[in-house]
N, C-alpha and C. Protein backbone atom coordinates (compact mmCIF):
# COMPACT_ATOMS: atom_id res chain seq x y z
N MET A 1 73.35 223.79 61.70
CA MET A 1 73.97 222.95 62.70
C MET A 1 74.52 221.72 62.01
N ARG A 2 75.75 221.41 62.29
CA ARG A 2 76.40 220.25 61.69
C ARG A 2 76.24 219.04 62.60
N PHE A 3 75.70 217.96 62.08
CA PHE A 3 75.56 216.72 62.83
C PHE A 3 76.74 215.82 62.50
N LEU A 4 77.39 215.33 63.52
CA LEU A 4 78.58 214.51 63.36
C LEU A 4 78.23 213.04 63.39
N VAL A 5 79.01 212.24 62.65
CA VAL A 5 78.88 210.79 62.76
C VAL A 5 79.78 210.34 63.91
N LYS A 6 79.53 209.15 64.41
CA LYS A 6 80.20 208.69 65.63
C LYS A 6 81.72 208.81 65.57
N LYS A 7 82.34 208.48 64.44
CA LYS A 7 83.80 208.51 64.35
C LYS A 7 84.36 209.94 64.42
N GLU A 8 83.51 210.95 64.21
CA GLU A 8 83.94 212.35 64.32
C GLU A 8 83.79 212.89 65.75
N CYS A 9 83.15 212.12 66.61
CA CYS A 9 82.86 212.58 67.98
C CYS A 9 84.03 212.26 68.90
N MET A 10 85.11 212.96 68.72
CA MET A 10 86.32 212.75 69.51
C MET A 10 86.64 214.04 70.26
N ALA A 11 87.04 213.92 71.52
CA ALA A 11 87.33 215.11 72.31
C ALA A 11 88.55 214.88 73.21
N ASP A 12 89.17 215.99 73.58
CA ASP A 12 90.31 215.96 74.50
C ASP A 12 89.87 216.14 75.94
N ALA A 13 88.68 216.71 76.15
CA ALA A 13 88.12 216.92 77.49
C ALA A 13 86.61 216.94 77.38
N THR A 14 85.95 216.65 78.50
CA THR A 14 84.48 216.59 78.52
C THR A 14 83.93 217.41 79.68
N ALA A 15 82.90 218.18 79.38
CA ALA A 15 82.14 218.92 80.40
C ALA A 15 80.79 218.25 80.51
N ASP A 16 80.55 217.53 81.61
CA ASP A 16 79.27 216.85 81.83
C ASP A 16 78.33 217.82 82.52
N LEU A 17 77.38 218.35 81.76
CA LEU A 17 76.46 219.36 82.27
C LEU A 17 75.02 218.89 82.30
N VAL A 18 74.83 217.57 82.31
CA VAL A 18 73.48 217.01 82.40
C VAL A 18 72.89 217.40 83.75
N HIS A 19 71.64 217.82 83.73
CA HIS A 19 70.89 218.28 84.90
C HIS A 19 71.43 219.59 85.48
N ARG A 20 72.18 220.36 84.69
CA ARG A 20 72.65 221.67 85.14
C ARG A 20 71.77 222.72 84.50
N VAL A 21 71.49 223.78 85.21
CA VAL A 21 70.61 224.83 84.72
C VAL A 21 71.42 225.98 84.12
N CYS A 22 70.73 226.78 83.33
CA CYS A 22 71.30 227.96 82.73
C CYS A 22 71.77 228.90 83.84
N PRO A 23 72.90 229.50 83.76
CA PRO A 23 73.84 229.65 82.64
C PRO A 23 75.04 228.72 82.71
N MET A 24 74.97 227.63 83.48
CA MET A 24 76.13 226.75 83.66
C MET A 24 76.60 226.14 82.35
N HIS A 25 75.70 225.95 81.38
CA HIS A 25 76.11 225.36 80.10
C HIS A 25 77.02 226.30 79.32
N LEU A 26 77.14 227.56 79.74
CA LEU A 26 78.09 228.50 79.13
C LEU A 26 79.27 228.79 80.05
N LEU A 27 79.02 228.90 81.33
CA LEU A 27 80.09 229.27 82.26
C LEU A 27 81.14 228.17 82.43
N GLU A 28 80.71 226.94 82.65
CA GLU A 28 81.67 225.86 82.85
C GLU A 28 82.52 225.58 81.61
N PRO A 29 81.91 225.49 80.42
CA PRO A 29 82.76 225.27 79.23
C PRO A 29 83.74 226.42 78.99
N SER A 30 83.34 227.65 79.29
CA SER A 30 84.26 228.76 79.05
C SER A 30 85.48 228.66 79.96
N GLU A 31 85.30 228.14 81.17
CA GLU A 31 86.43 227.92 82.06
C GLU A 31 87.27 226.73 81.61
N MET A 32 86.62 225.67 81.17
CA MET A 32 87.34 224.46 80.74
C MET A 32 88.14 224.69 79.47
N ILE A 33 87.63 225.50 78.56
CA ILE A 33 88.33 225.72 77.29
C ILE A 33 89.65 226.45 77.53
N LYS A 34 89.73 227.21 78.60
CA LYS A 34 90.98 227.90 78.94
C LYS A 34 92.09 226.91 79.26
N GLN A 35 91.73 225.72 79.71
CA GLN A 35 92.70 224.69 80.07
C GLN A 35 93.26 223.94 78.85
N LEU A 36 92.56 224.05 77.72
CA LEU A 36 92.96 223.31 76.51
C LEU A 36 93.98 224.08 75.69
N LYS A 37 94.72 223.35 74.89
CA LYS A 37 95.65 223.95 73.94
C LYS A 37 94.91 224.24 72.65
N THR A 38 95.41 225.19 71.89
CA THR A 38 94.81 225.52 70.60
C THR A 38 94.72 224.25 69.74
N GLY A 39 93.55 224.03 69.15
CA GLY A 39 93.31 222.86 68.31
C GLY A 39 92.65 221.70 69.04
N GLN A 40 92.69 221.72 70.37
CA GLN A 40 92.04 220.64 71.12
C GLN A 40 90.53 220.86 71.15
N VAL A 41 89.80 219.77 71.42
CA VAL A 41 88.34 219.78 71.34
C VAL A 41 87.73 219.50 72.71
N LEU A 42 86.72 220.30 73.04
CA LEU A 42 85.93 220.11 74.27
C LEU A 42 84.57 219.54 73.89
N GLU A 43 84.19 218.46 74.56
CA GLU A 43 82.87 217.86 74.39
C GLU A 43 81.98 218.36 75.53
N ILE A 44 80.81 218.85 75.18
CA ILE A 44 79.84 219.29 76.18
C ILE A 44 78.65 218.35 76.13
N VAL A 45 78.38 217.67 77.25
CA VAL A 45 77.25 216.76 77.34
C VAL A 45 76.18 217.48 78.15
N THR A 46 75.02 217.67 77.55
CA THR A 46 73.95 218.42 78.21
C THR A 46 72.58 217.92 77.80
N ASP A 47 71.62 218.14 78.67
CA ASP A 47 70.23 217.83 78.34
C ASP A 47 69.41 219.11 78.18
N TYR A 48 70.08 220.24 78.17
CA TYR A 48 69.43 221.55 78.07
C TYR A 48 69.24 221.92 76.59
N ASP A 49 67.99 222.01 76.15
CA ASP A 49 67.69 222.30 74.74
C ASP A 49 68.25 223.65 74.29
N GLY A 50 68.29 224.62 75.18
CA GLY A 50 68.80 225.95 74.84
C GLY A 50 70.25 225.95 74.42
N ALA A 51 71.00 224.92 74.83
CA ALA A 51 72.42 224.82 74.47
C ALA A 51 72.61 224.67 72.96
N LEU A 52 71.61 224.14 72.27
CA LEU A 52 71.73 223.95 70.83
C LEU A 52 71.89 225.28 70.09
N GLU A 53 71.35 226.34 70.63
CA GLU A 53 71.52 227.68 70.05
C GLU A 53 72.62 228.44 70.77
N ASP A 54 72.67 228.29 72.10
CA ASP A 54 73.59 229.10 72.90
C ASP A 54 75.07 228.75 72.67
N ILE A 55 75.39 227.48 72.56
CA ILE A 55 76.80 227.08 72.42
C ILE A 55 77.38 227.56 71.08
N PRO A 56 76.72 227.34 69.93
CA PRO A 56 77.27 227.89 68.68
C PRO A 56 77.41 229.41 68.71
N ALA A 57 76.44 230.10 69.31
CA ALA A 57 76.51 231.56 69.41
C ALA A 57 77.68 231.99 70.29
N TRP A 58 77.89 231.27 71.40
CA TRP A 58 79.00 231.57 72.29
C TRP A 58 80.34 231.39 71.54
N CYS A 59 80.43 230.33 70.75
CA CYS A 59 81.66 230.07 69.98
C CYS A 59 81.95 231.23 69.03
N SER A 60 80.95 231.68 68.31
CA SER A 60 81.12 232.80 67.37
C SER A 60 81.57 234.05 68.10
N LYS A 61 80.97 234.32 69.23
CA LYS A 61 81.28 235.52 69.99
C LYS A 61 82.68 235.50 70.60
N HIS A 62 83.17 234.30 70.96
CA HIS A 62 84.44 234.18 71.65
C HIS A 62 85.57 233.61 70.79
N GLY A 63 85.36 233.53 69.49
CA GLY A 63 86.43 233.12 68.58
C GLY A 63 86.81 231.65 68.64
N GLN A 64 85.86 230.80 69.01
CA GLN A 64 86.10 229.36 69.03
C GLN A 64 85.30 228.71 67.91
N GLU A 65 85.68 227.52 67.52
CA GLU A 65 85.00 226.82 66.42
C GLU A 65 83.98 225.83 66.95
N PHE A 66 82.72 226.02 66.58
CA PHE A 66 81.71 225.02 66.90
C PHE A 66 81.83 223.91 65.86
N VAL A 67 82.26 222.73 66.29
CA VAL A 67 82.50 221.61 65.38
C VAL A 67 81.19 220.97 64.96
N GLY A 68 80.29 220.74 65.92
CA GLY A 68 79.00 220.12 65.60
C GLY A 68 78.41 219.41 66.79
N ILE A 69 77.39 218.61 66.50
CA ILE A 69 76.65 217.89 67.53
C ILE A 69 76.56 216.42 67.16
N CYS A 70 76.64 215.57 68.17
CA CYS A 70 76.54 214.12 67.98
C CYS A 70 75.44 213.61 68.90
N GLU A 71 74.49 212.89 68.36
CA GLU A 71 73.38 212.36 69.16
C GLU A 71 73.38 210.84 69.21
N GLU A 72 74.34 210.19 68.63
CA GLU A 72 74.31 208.74 68.48
C GLU A 72 74.40 207.96 69.79
N ASP A 73 75.23 208.40 70.74
CA ASP A 73 75.47 207.63 71.95
C ASP A 73 74.59 208.02 73.13
N CYS A 74 73.83 209.06 72.99
CA CYS A 74 73.11 209.60 74.14
C CYS A 74 71.66 209.90 73.75
N GLU A 75 70.75 209.09 74.23
CA GLU A 75 69.34 209.25 73.85
C GLU A 75 68.68 210.45 74.51
N ASP A 76 69.07 210.76 75.74
CA ASP A 76 68.41 211.82 76.50
C ASP A 76 69.24 213.08 76.61
N CYS A 77 70.31 213.17 75.85
CA CYS A 77 71.15 214.36 75.94
C CYS A 77 71.80 214.66 74.59
N TYR A 78 72.51 215.77 74.56
CA TYR A 78 73.23 216.20 73.37
C TYR A 78 74.72 216.22 73.68
N LYS A 79 75.52 215.97 72.67
CA LYS A 79 76.96 216.11 72.79
C LYS A 79 77.40 217.14 71.75
N LEU A 80 77.88 218.26 72.24
CA LEU A 80 78.32 219.35 71.37
C LEU A 80 79.84 219.44 71.45
N TYR A 81 80.46 219.82 70.34
CA TYR A 81 81.92 219.84 70.27
C TYR A 81 82.43 221.22 69.86
N ILE A 82 83.41 221.69 70.65
CA ILE A 82 84.04 223.00 70.42
C ILE A 82 85.53 222.78 70.24
N ARG A 83 86.10 223.36 69.18
CA ARG A 83 87.55 223.34 68.98
C ARG A 83 88.12 224.69 69.42
N LYS A 84 89.14 224.64 70.26
CA LYS A 84 89.77 225.88 70.74
C LYS A 84 90.59 226.48 69.61
N CYS A 85 90.33 227.73 69.31
CA CYS A 85 91.04 228.42 68.23
C CYS A 85 92.04 229.45 68.76
N SER A 86 91.81 229.95 69.95
CA SER A 86 92.74 230.96 70.49
C SER A 86 92.82 230.84 72.00
């Protein structure tokens, strides 16, 4: 897992999934990424620990790039970044 420094934590859109239960941490981002152009980045904000494994695996399965995770701005949640590849 790649940990990003604050200046790398840039996104074109954000999916706020704090307090959302499984499988929403996969379903909502998959719909949102369809709205982005190739090369744009989606930020996923979640407090679900399972997302740390599920999001990178989802990216591999669906041909998207898992950029990394940033924990600097959010004490009780994670910020994961996906770059749209196709």
